[in-house]
All heavy atoms as atom14 arrays in JSON, in Angstrom:
{
  "sequence": "RPQVVNLTSRMYRLEDHNDPNTVKVVSDPSGRALYFSRAPIPSR",
  "atom14_mask": [
    [1, 1, 1, 1, 1, 1, 1, 1, 1, 1, 1, 0, 0, 0],
    [1, 1, 1, 1, 1, 1, 1, 0, 0, 0, 0, 0, 0, 0],
    [1, 1, 1, 1, 1, 1, 1, 1, 1, 0, 0, 0, 0, 0],
    [1, 1, 1, 1, 1, 1, 1, 0, 0, 0, 0, 0, 0, 0],
    [1, 1, 1, 1, 1, 1, 1, 0, 0, 0, 0, 0, 0, 0],
    [1, 1, 1, 1, 1, 1, 1, 1, 0, 0, 0, 0, 0, 0],
    [1, 1, 1, 1, 1, 1, 1, 1, 0, 0, 0, 0, 0, 0],
    [1, 1, 1, 1, 1, 1, 1, 0, 0, 0, 0, 0, 0, 0],
    [1, 1, 1, 1, 1, 1, 0, 0, 0, 0, 0, 0, 0, 0],
    [1, 1, 1, 1, 1, 1, 1, 1, 1, 1, 1, 0, 0, 0],
    [1, 1, 1, 1, 1, 1, 1, 1, 0, 0, 0, 0, 0, 0],
    [1, 1, 1, 1, 1, 1, 1, 1, 1, 1, 1, 1, 0, 0],
    [1, 1, 1, 1, 1, 1, 1, 1, 1, 1, 1, 0, 0, 0],
    [1, 1, 1, 1, 1, 1, 1, 1, 0, 0, 0, 0, 0, 0],
    [1, 1, 1, 1, 1, 1, 1, 1, 1, 0, 0, 0, 0, 0],
    [1, 1, 1, 1, 1, 1, 1, 1, 0, 0, 0, 0, 0, 0],
    [1, 1, 1, 1, 1, 1, 1, 1, 1, 1, 0, 0, 0, 0],
    [1, 1, 1, 1, 1, 1, 1, 1, 0, 0, 0, 0, 0, 0],
    [1, 1, 1, 1, 1, 1, 1, 1, 0, 0, 0, 0, 0, 0],
    [1, 1, 1, 1, 1, 1, 1, 0, 0, 0, 0, 0, 0, 0],
    [1, 1, 1, 1, 1, 1, 1, 1, 0, 0, 0, 0, 0, 0],
    [1, 1, 1, 1, 1, 1, 1, 0, 0, 0, 0, 0, 0, 0],
    [1, 1, 1, 1, 1, 1, 1, 0, 0, 0, 0, 0, 0, 0],
    [1, 1, 1, 1, 1, 1, 1, 1, 1, 0, 0, 0, 0, 0],
    [1, 1, 1, 1, 1, 1, 1, 0, 0, 0, 0, 0, 0, 0],
    [1, 1, 1, 1, 1, 1, 1, 0, 0, 0, 0, 0, 0, 0],
    [1, 1, 1, 1, 1, 1, 0, 0, 0, 0, 0, 0, 0, 0],
    [1, 1, 1, 1, 1, 1, 1, 1, 0, 0, 0, 0, 0, 0],
    [1, 1, 1, 1, 1, 1, 1, 0, 0, 0, 0, 0, 0, 0],
    [1, 1, 1, 1, 1, 1, 0, 0, 0, 0, 0, 0, 0, 0],
    [1, 1, 1, 1, 0, 0, 0, 0, 0, 0, 0, 0, 0, 0],
    [1, 1, 1, 1, 1, 1, 1, 1, 1, 1, 1, 0, 0, 0],
    [1, 1, 1, 1, 1, 0, 0, 0, 0, 0, 0, 0, 0, 0],
    [1, 1, 1, 1, 1, 1, 1, 1, 0, 0, 0, 0, 0, 0],
    [1, 1, 1, 1, 1, 1, 1, 1, 1, 1, 1, 1, 0, 0],
    [1, 1, 1, 1, 1, 1, 1, 1, 1, 1, 1, 0, 0, 0],
    [1, 1, 1, 1, 1, 1, 0, 0, 0, 0, 0, 0, 0, 0],
    [1, 1, 1, 1, 1, 1, 1, 1, 1, 1, 1, 0, 0, 0],
    [1, 1, 1, 1, 1, 0, 0, 0, 0, 0, 0, 0, 0, 0],
    [1, 1, 1, 1, 1, 1, 1, 0, 0, 0, 0, 0, 0, 0],
    [1, 1, 1, 1, 1, 1, 1, 1, 0, 0, 0, 0, 0, 0],
    [1, 1, 1, 1, 1, 1, 1, 0, 0, 0, 0, 0, 0, 0],
    [1, 1, 1, 1, 1, 1, 0, 0, 0, 0, 0, 0, 0, 0],
    [1, 1, 1, 1, 1, 1, 1, 1, 1, 1, 1, 0, 0, 0]
  ],
  "atom14_positions": [
    [[10.87, -30.85, -103.9], [11.93, -30.69, -102.91], [11.61, -29.63, -101.85], [12.43, -28.74, -101.57], [13.27, -30.38, -103.59], [13.8, -31.51, -104.47], [14.01, -32.79, -103.67], [14.53, -33.86, -104.49], [15.8, -34.22, -104.55], [16.7, -33.59, -103.81], [16.18, -35.21, -105.32], [0.0, 0.0, 0.0], [0.0, 0.0, 0.0], [0.0, 0.0, 0.0]],
    [[10.43, -29.71, -101.23], [10.15, -28.78, -100.13], [10.99, -29.14, -98.91], [11.48, -30.26, -98.78], [8.66, -29.01, -99.86], [8.44, -30.44, -100.25], [9.34, -30.68, -101.42], [0.0, 0.0, 0.0], [0.0, 0.0, 0.0], [0.0, 0.0, 0.0], [0.0, 0.0, 0.0], [0.0, 0.0, 0.0], [0.0, 0.0, 0.0], [0.0, 0.0, 0.0]],
    [[11.14, -28.18, -98.01], [11.89, -28.48, -96.78], [11.13, -29.47, -95.9], [11.73, -30.33, -95.24], [12.16, -27.18, -96.02], [13.12, -26.26, -96.78], [13.04, -24.82, -96.3], [11.96, -24.27, -96.1], [14.19, -24.2, -96.14], [0.0, 0.0, 0.0], [0.0, 0.0, 0.0], [0.0, 0.0, 0.0], [0.0, 0.0, 0.0], [0.0, 0.0, 0.0]],
    [[9.81, -29.33, -95.9], [8.94, -30.23, -95.15], [7.7, -30.49, -95.99], [7.2, -29.56, -96.65], [8.51, -29.62, -93.8], [7.69, -30.62, -92.99], [9.72, -29.15, -92.99], [0.0, 0.0, 0.0], [0.0, 0.0, 0.0], [0.0, 0.0, 0.0], [0.0, 0.0, 0.0], [0.0, 0.0, 0.0], [0.0, 0.0, 0.0], [0.0, 0.0, 0.0]],
    [[7.2, -31.7, -95.98], [5.95, -32.03, -96.64], [5.05, -32.72, -95.63], [5.49, -33.62, -94.9], [6.18, -32.89, -97.91], [6.91, -34.18, -97.58], [4.88, -33.18, -98.62], [0.0, 0.0, 0.0], [0.0, 0.0, 0.0], [0.0, 0.0, 0.0], [0.0, 0.0, 0.0], [0.0, 0.0, 0.0], [0.0, 0.0, 0.0], [0.0, 0.0, 0.0]],
    [[3.8, -32.26, -95.52], [2.88, -32.74, -94.48], [1.54, -33.13, -95.12], [0.93, -32.34, -95.83], [2.66, -31.64, -93.45], [2.05, -32.11, -92.13], [2.1, -31.4, -91.15], [1.48, -33.3, -92.09], [0.0, 0.0, 0.0], [0.0, 0.0, 0.0], [0.0, 0.0, 0.0], [0.0, 0.0, 0.0], [0.0, 0.0, 0.0], [0.0, 0.0, 0.0]],
    [[1.11, -34.36, -94.87], [-0.19, -34.8, -95.36], [-1.3, -34.18, -94.52], [-1.22, -34.15, -93.28], [-0.3, -36.32, -95.29], [-1.6, -36.9, -95.87], [-1.57, -36.89, -97.39], [-1.86, -38.31, -95.35], [0.0, 0.0, 0.0], [0.0, 0.0, 0.0], [0.0, 0.0, 0.0], [0.0, 0.0, 0.0], [0.0, 0.0, 0.0], [0.0, 0.0, 0.0]],
    [[-2.32, -33.65, -95.18], [-3.51, -33.17, -94.48], [-4.73, -33.87, -95.07], [-4.78, -34.14, -96.28], [-3.69, -31.64, -94.63], [-3.88, -31.3, -96.0], [-2.47, -30.91, -94.1], [0.0, 0.0, 0.0], [0.0, 0.0, 0.0], [0.0, 0.0, 0.0], [0.0, 0.0, 0.0], [0.0, 0.0, 0.0], [0.0, 0.0, 0.0], [0.0, 0.0, 0.0]],
    [[-5.69, -34.18, -94.23], [-6.86, -34.93, -94.69], [-8.14, -34.15, -94.4], [-8.25, -33.43, -93.41], [-6.92, -36.3, -94.02], [-7.04, -36.18, -92.61], [0.0, 0.0, 0.0], [0.0, 0.0, 0.0], [0.0, 0.0, 0.0], [0.0, 0.0, 0.0], [0.0, 0.0, 0.0], [0.0, 0.0, 0.0], [0.0, 0.0, 0.0], [0.0, 0.0, 0.0]],
    [[-9.09, -34.31, -95.31], [-10.36, -33.59, -95.18], [-11.15, -34.11, -93.99], [-11.17, -35.31, -93.72], [-11.19, -33.74, -96.46], [-12.48, -32.91, -96.43], [-13.27, -33.08, -97.71], [-12.64, -32.41, -98.84], [-12.8, -31.12, -99.13], [-13.55, -30.35, -98.35], [-12.22, -30.6, -100.19], [0.0, 0.0, 0.0], [0.0, 0.0, 0.0], [0.0, 0.0, 0.0]],
    [[-11.78, -33.19, -93.29], [-12.7, -33.54, -92.19], [-14.12, -33.4, -92.68], [-14.46, -32.44, -93.37], [-12.46, -32.64, -90.98], [-11.12, -32.85, -90.31], [-10.88, -31.77, -88.88], [-10.72, -30.18, -89.68], [0.0, 0.0, 0.0], [0.0, 0.0, 0.0], [0.0, 0.0, 0.0], [0.0, 0.0, 0.0], [0.0, 0.0, 0.0], [0.0, 0.0, 0.0]],
    [[-14.95, -34.34, -92.28], [-16.34, -34.35, -92.72], [-17.32, -34.12, -91.57], [-18.51, -34.0, -91.81], [-16.65, -35.69, -93.4], [-15.86, -35.9, -94.67], [-14.65, -36.6, -94.65], [-16.29, -35.38, -95.88], [-13.91, -36.78, -95.81], [-15.55, -35.55, -97.05], [-14.36, -36.25, -97.01], [-13.62, -36.42, -98.15], [0.0, 0.0, 0.0], [0.0, 0.0, 0.0]],
    [[-16.8, -34.03, -90.34], [-17.67, -33.88, -89.18], [-17.35, -32.56, -88.48], [-16.18, -32.26, -88.21], [-17.49, -35.03, -88.2], [-17.58, -36.42, -88.84], [-17.6, -37.53, -87.8], [-16.6, -37.35, -86.75], [-16.56, -38.1, -85.65], [-17.45, -39.05, -85.46], [-15.62, -37.89, -84.74], [0.0, 0.0, 0.0], [0.0, 0.0, 0.0], [0.0, 0.0, 0.0]],
    [[-18.38, -31.79, -88.18], [-18.16, -30.52, -87.49], [-17.56, -30.73, -86.12], [-16.78, -29.88, -85.64], [-19.49, -29.75, -87.38], [-20.09, -29.22, -88.68], [-21.37, -28.45, -88.4], [-19.09, -28.35, -89.44], [0.0, 0.0, 0.0], [0.0, 0.0, 0.0], [0.0, 0.0, 0.0], [0.0, 0.0, 0.0], [0.0, 0.0, 0.0], [0.0, 0.0, 0.0]],
    [[-17.88, -31.84, -85.48], [-17.31, -32.08, -84.15], [-15.79, -32.23, -84.2], [-15.08, -31.87, -83.26], [-17.95, -33.3, -83.48], [-17.9, -34.58, -84.28], [-19.19, -34.86, -85.04], [-19.71, -33.92, -85.68], [-19.67, -36.01, -84.98], [0.0, 0.0, 0.0], [0.0, 0.0, 0.0], [0.0, 0.0, 0.0], [0.0, 0.0, 0.0], [0.0, 0.0, 0.0]],
    [[-15.28, -32.74, -85.34], [-13.82, -32.82, -85.49], [-13.22, -31.43, -85.69], [-12.13, -31.13, -85.18], [-13.46, -33.71, -86.69], [-13.79, -35.17, -86.45], [-13.79, -35.58, -85.27], [-14.05, -35.89, -87.42], [0.0, 0.0, 0.0], [0.0, 0.0, 0.0], [0.0, 0.0, 0.0], [0.0, 0.0, 0.0], [0.0, 0.0, 0.0], [0.0, 0.0, 0.0]],
    [[-13.92, -30.58, -86.43], [-13.45, -29.21, -86.65], [-13.41, -28.42, -85.34], [-12.54, -27.57, -85.14], [-14.35, -28.51, -87.68], [-13.73, -27.31, -88.31], [-14.39, -26.1, -88.44], [-12.5, -27.11, -88.88], [-13.6, -25.23, -89.06], [-12.46, -25.81, -89.33], [0.0, 0.0, 0.0], [0.0, 0.0, 0.0], [0.0, 0.0, 0.0], [0.0, 0.0, 0.0]],
    [[-14.33, -28.73, -84.44], [-14.4, -28.03, -83.16], [-13.5, -28.64, -82.09], [-13.22, -28.01, -81.08], [-15.84, -28.02, -82.63], [-16.76, -27.17, -83.49], [-16.34, -26.17, -84.05], [-18.02, -27.57, -83.59], [0.0, 0.0, 0.0], [0.0, 0.0, 0.0], [0.0, 0.0, 0.0], [0.0, 0.0, 0.0], [0.0, 0.0, 0.0], [0.0, 0.0, 0.0]],
    [[-13.04, -29.86, -82.31], [-12.31, -30.61, -81.3], [-10.88, -30.07, -81.14], [-10.09, -30.09, -82.08], [-12.25, -32.08, -81.72], [-11.64, -32.97, -80.65], [-11.11, -32.46, -79.65], [-11.7, -34.21, -80.82], [0.0, 0.0, 0.0], [0.0, 0.0, 0.0], [0.0, 0.0, 0.0], [0.0, 0.0, 0.0], [0.0, 0.0, 0.0], [0.0, 0.0, 0.0]],
    [[-10.5, -29.59, -79.95], [-9.14, -29.07, -79.76], [-8.06, -30.15, -79.82], [-6.87, -29.83, -79.92], [-9.2, -28.43, -78.37], [-10.33, -29.11, -77.68], [-11.33, -29.43, -78.74], [0.0, 0.0, 0.0], [0.0, 0.0, 0.0], [0.0, 0.0, 0.0], [0.0, 0.0, 0.0], [0.0, 0.0, 0.0], [0.0, 0.0, 0.0], [0.0, 0.0, 0.0]],
    [[-8.46, -31.42, -79.77], [-7.48, -32.49, -79.92], [-7.09, -32.71, -81.39], [-6.11, -33.39, -81.68], [-8.03, -33.81, -79.36], [-8.18, -33.76, -77.86], [-7.33, -33.21, -77.16], [-9.26, -34.34, -77.35], [0.0, 0.0, 0.0], [0.0, 0.0, 0.0], [0.0, 0.0, 0.0], [0.0, 0.0, 0.0], [0.0, 0.0, 0.0], [0.0, 0.0, 0.0]],
    [[-7.87, -32.13, -82.3], [-7.6, -32.24, -83.74], [-6.92, -30.97, -84.21], [-7.44, -29.87, -84.03], [-8.91, -32.45, -84.53], [-9.58, -33.62, -84.04], [-8.63, -32.61, -86.01], [0.0, 0.0, 0.0], [0.0, 0.0, 0.0], [0.0, 0.0, 0.0], [0.0, 0.0, 0.0], [0.0, 0.0, 0.0], [0.0, 0.0, 0.0], [0.0, 0.0, 0.0]],
    [[-5.75, -31.13, -84.82], [-5.01, -29.96, -85.31], [-5.48, -29.62, -86.73], [-5.37, -30.45, -87.63], [-3.49, -30.22, -85.31], [-2.74, -29.03, -85.91], [-3.01, -30.5, -83.89], [0.0, 0.0, 0.0], [0.0, 0.0, 0.0], [0.0, 0.0, 0.0], [0.0, 0.0, 0.0], [0.0, 0.0, 0.0], [0.0, 0.0, 0.0], [0.0, 0.0, 0.0]],
    [[-6.01, -28.41, -86.89], [-6.47, -27.95, -88.19], [-5.38, -27.18, -88.91], [-4.47, -26.65, -88.27], [-7.71, -27.05, -88.04], [-9.02, -27.83, -87.87], [-9.15, -28.58, -86.57], [-9.29, -27.68, -85.37], [-9.58, -28.41, -84.11], [0.0, 0.0, 0.0], [0.0, 0.0, 0.0], [0.0, 0.0, 0.0], [0.0, 0.0, 0.0], [0.0, 0.0, 0.0]],
    [[-5.49, -27.13, -90.25], [-4.47, -26.44, -91.03], [-5.12, -25.67, -92.17], [-6.13, -26.12, -92.73], [-3.43, -27.44, -91.6], [-4.08, -28.5, -92.47], [-2.31, -26.73, -92.35], [0.0, 0.0, 0.0], [0.0, 0.0, 0.0], [0.0, 0.0, 0.0], [0.0, 0.0, 0.0], [0.0, 0.0, 0.0], [0.0, 0.0, 0.0], [0.0, 0.0, 0.0]],
    [[-4.56, -24.51, -92.49], [-4.96, -23.74, -93.67], [-3.71, -23.5, -94.49], [-2.6, -23.36, -93.96], [-5.66, -22.41, -93.31], [-7.02, -22.65, -92.7], [-4.79, -21.58, -92.35], [0.0, 0.0, 0.0], [0.0, 0.0, 0.0], [0.0, 0.0, 0.0], [0.0, 0.0, 0.0], [0.0, 0.0, 0.0], [0.0, 0.0, 0.0], [0.0, 0.0, 0.0]],
    [[-3.89, -23.45, -95.81], [-2.75, -23.28, -96.71], [-3.1, -22.28, -97.81], [-4.28, -21.98, -98.05], [-2.36, -24.62, -97.33], [-3.45, -25.2, -98.02], [0.0, 0.0, 0.0], [0.0, 0.0, 0.0], [0.0, 0.0, 0.0], [0.0, 0.0, 0.0], [0.0, 0.0, 0.0], [0.0, 0.0, 0.0], [0.0, 0.0, 0.0], [0.0, 0.0, 0.0]],
    [[-2.07, -21.76, -98.49], [-2.31, -20.83, -99.59], [-2.58, -21.62, -100.88], [-2.49, -22.85, -100.9], [-1.16, -19.84, -99.73], [0.13, -20.45, -100.27], [0.1, -21.6, -100.77], [1.17, -19.77, -100.21], [0.0, 0.0, 0.0], [0.0, 0.0, 0.0], [0.0, 0.0, 0.0], [0.0, 0.0, 0.0], [0.0, 0.0, 0.0], [0.0, 0.0, 0.0]],
    [[-2.93, -20.93, -101.98], [-3.26, -21.65, -103.22], [-2.14, -22.52, -103.77], [-2.4, -23.48, -104.51], [-3.6, -20.51, -104.2], [-4.11, -19.4, -103.32], [-3.25, -19.48, -102.09], [0.0, 0.0, 0.0], [0.0, 0.0, 0.0], [0.0, 0.0, 0.0], [0.0, 0.0, 0.0], [0.0, 0.0, 0.0], [0.0, 0.0, 0.0], [0.0, 0.0, 0.0]],
    [[-0.9, -22.24, -103.41], [0.22, -23.05, -103.9], [0.46, -24.29, -103.04], [1.31, -25.11, -103.37], [1.5, -22.21, -103.95], [1.99, -21.97, -102.65], [0.0, 0.0, 0.0], [0.0, 0.0, 0.0], [0.0, 0.0, 0.0], [0.0, 0.0, 0.0], [0.0, 0.0, 0.0], [0.0, 0.0, 0.0], [0.0, 0.0, 0.0], [0.0, 0.0, 0.0]],
    [[-0.29, -24.4, -101.93], [-0.11, -25.54, -101.04], [0.83, -25.29, -99.89], [1.16, -26.21, -99.14], [0.0, 0.0, 0.0], [0.0, 0.0, 0.0], [0.0, 0.0, 0.0], [0.0, 0.0, 0.0], [0.0, 0.0, 0.0], [0.0, 0.0, 0.0], [0.0, 0.0, 0.0], [0.0, 0.0, 0.0], [0.0, 0.0, 0.0], [0.0, 0.0, 0.0]],
    [[1.24, -24.05, -99.71], [2.12, -23.73, -98.57], [1.28, -23.57, -97.31], [0.31, -22.81, -97.28], [2.89, -22.44, -98.84], [3.81, -22.04, -97.7], [4.68, -20.87, -98.08], [5.66, -20.56, -97.03], [6.81, -19.97, -97.24], [7.15, -19.58, -98.46], [7.65, -19.73, -96.24], [0.0, 0.0, 0.0], [0.0, 0.0, 0.0], [0.0, 0.0, 0.0]],
    [[1.65, -24.28, -96.26], [0.92, -24.17, -94.99], [1.08, -22.78, -94.41], [2.18, -22.23, -94.35], [1.44, -25.21, -94.0], [0.0, 0.0, 0.0], [0.0, 0.0, 0.0], [0.0, 0.0, 0.0], [0.0, 0.0, 0.0], [0.0, 0.0, 0.0], [0.0, 0.0, 0.0], [0.0, 0.0, 0.0], [0.0, 0.0, 0.0], [0.0, 0.0, 0.0]],
    [[-0.05, -22.19, -94.02], [-0.03, -20.85, -93.43], [-0.11, -20.9, -91.91], [0.51, -20.09, -91.23], [-1.22, -20.04, -93.96], [-1.24, -19.76, -95.46], [-2.55, -19.08, -95.85], [-0.04, -18.88, -95.86], [0.0, 0.0, 0.0], [0.0, 0.0, 0.0], [0.0, 0.0, 0.0], [0.0, 0.0, 0.0], [0.0, 0.0, 0.0], [0.0, 0.0, 0.0]],
    [[-0.9, -21.85, -91.39], [-1.09, -21.9, -89.94], [-1.68, -23.25, -89.54], [-2.49, -23.83, -90.27], [-2.01, -20.77, -89.46], [-1.91, -20.49, -87.98], [-0.87, -19.69, -87.49], [-2.82, -21.03, -87.07], [-0.75, -19.44, -86.12], [-2.71, -20.78, -85.7], [-1.67, -19.98, -85.23], [-1.54, -19.73, -83.88], [0.0, 0.0, 0.0], [0.0, 0.0, 0.0]],
    [[-1.25, -23.71, -88.36], [-1.83, -24.89, -87.72], [-2.45, -24.45, -86.41], [-1.85, -23.68, -85.66], [-0.76, -25.94, -87.42], [-0.08, -26.51, -88.64], [1.06, -25.9, -89.17], [-0.54, -27.67, -89.24], [1.71, -26.42, -90.28], [0.09, -28.2, -90.35], [1.22, -27.58, -90.87], [0.0, 0.0, 0.0], [0.0, 0.0, 0.0], [0.0, 0.0, 0.0]],
    [[-3.64, -24.95, -86.11], [-4.3, -24.52, -84.87], [-5.2, -25.62, -84.33], [-5.74, -26.44, -85.08], [-5.14, -23.26, -85.12], [-5.76, -22.84, -83.92], [0.0, 0.0, 0.0], [0.0, 0.0, 0.0], [0.0, 0.0, 0.0], [0.0, 0.0, 0.0], [0.0, 0.0, 0.0], [0.0, 0.0, 0.0], [0.0, 0.0, 0.0], [0.0, 0.0, 0.0]],
    [[-5.39, -25.59, -83.03], [-6.37, -26.47, -82.39], [-7.76, -25.83, -82.39], [-8.75, -26.49, -82.08], [-5.91, -26.83, -80.98], [-4.63, -27.64, -81.01], [-4.15, -28.08, -79.64], [-2.91, -28.84, -79.79], [-2.85, -30.14, -80.08], [-3.98, -30.82, -80.26], [-1.69, -30.75, -80.2], [0.0, 0.0, 0.0], [0.0, 0.0, 0.0], [0.0, 0.0, 0.0]],
    [[-7.81, -24.56, -82.77], [-9.09, -23.88, -82.95], [-9.65, -24.23, -84.33], [-8.9, -24.64, -85.22], [-8.9, -22.37, -82.82], [0.0, 0.0, 0.0], [0.0, 0.0, 0.0], [0.0, 0.0, 0.0], [0.0, 0.0, 0.0], [0.0, 0.0, 0.0], [0.0, 0.0, 0.0], [0.0, 0.0, 0.0], [0.0, 0.0, 0.0], [0.0, 0.0, 0.0]],
    [[-10.96, -24.06, -84.55], [-11.55, -24.38, -85.86], [-11.2, -23.32, -86.91], [-11.78, -22.24, -86.93], [-13.06, -24.41, -85.59], [-13.26, -23.6, -84.37], [-11.99, -23.73, -83.55], [0.0, 0.0, 0.0], [0.0, 0.0, 0.0], [0.0, 0.0, 0.0], [0.0, 0.0, 0.0], [0.0, 0.0, 0.0], [0.0, 0.0, 0.0], [0.0, 0.0, 0.0]],
    [[-10.2, -23.61, -87.75], [-9.83, -22.72, -88.85], [-10.0, -23.46, -90.16], [-9.76, -24.68, -90.22], [-8.38, -22.19, -88.7], [-7.37, -23.35, -88.61], [-8.27, -21.25, -87.53], [-5.92, -22.93, -88.65], [0.0, 0.0, 0.0], [0.0, 0.0, 0.0], [0.0, 0.0, 0.0], [0.0, 0.0, 0.0], [0.0, 0.0, 0.0], [0.0, 0.0, 0.0]],
    [[-10.43, -22.76, -91.24], [-10.92, -21.38, -91.22], [-12.23, -21.28, -90.45], [-12.93, -22.27, -90.25], [-11.12, -21.07, -92.71], [-11.35, -22.39, -93.34], [-10.52, -23.36, -92.58], [0.0, 0.0, 0.0], [0.0, 0.0, 0.0], [0.0, 0.0, 0.0], [0.0, 0.0, 0.0], [0.0, 0.0, 0.0], [0.0, 0.0, 0.0], [0.0, 0.0, 0.0]],
    [[-12.56, -20.06, -90.05], [-13.75, -19.83, -89.24], [-15.04, -20.11, -90.01], [-15.14, -19.82, -91.2], [-13.76, -18.38, -88.76], [-14.99, -18.06, -88.14], [0.0, 0.0, 0.0], [0.0, 0.0, 0.0], [0.0, 0.0, 0.0], [0.0, 0.0, 0.0], [0.0, 0.0, 0.0], [0.0, 0.0, 0.0], [0.0, 0.0, 0.0], [0.0, 0.0, 0.0]],
    [[-16.02, -20.67, -89.3], [-17.35, -20.88, -89.89], [-18.32, -19.79, -89.46], [-19.53, -19.92, -89.64], [-17.91, -22.24, -89.48], [-17.0, -23.42, -89.82], [-17.75, -24.76, -89.68], [-18.49, -24.88, -88.44], [-18.01, -25.32, -87.28], [-16.72, -25.69, -87.22], [-18.75, -25.4, -86.21], [0.0, 0.0, 0.0], [0.0, 0.0, 0.0], [0.0, 0.0, 0.0]]
  ]
}
């Protein structure tokens, strides 16, 4: 019963990670979203 649930999918291409048209997401160990960005997160 979360307030919002969002599907995230793994990226396999570095060009997708770098692409500002692709929204990246990072989450904590419990699955709570921490941040969404058009920048490549987490940093490589």
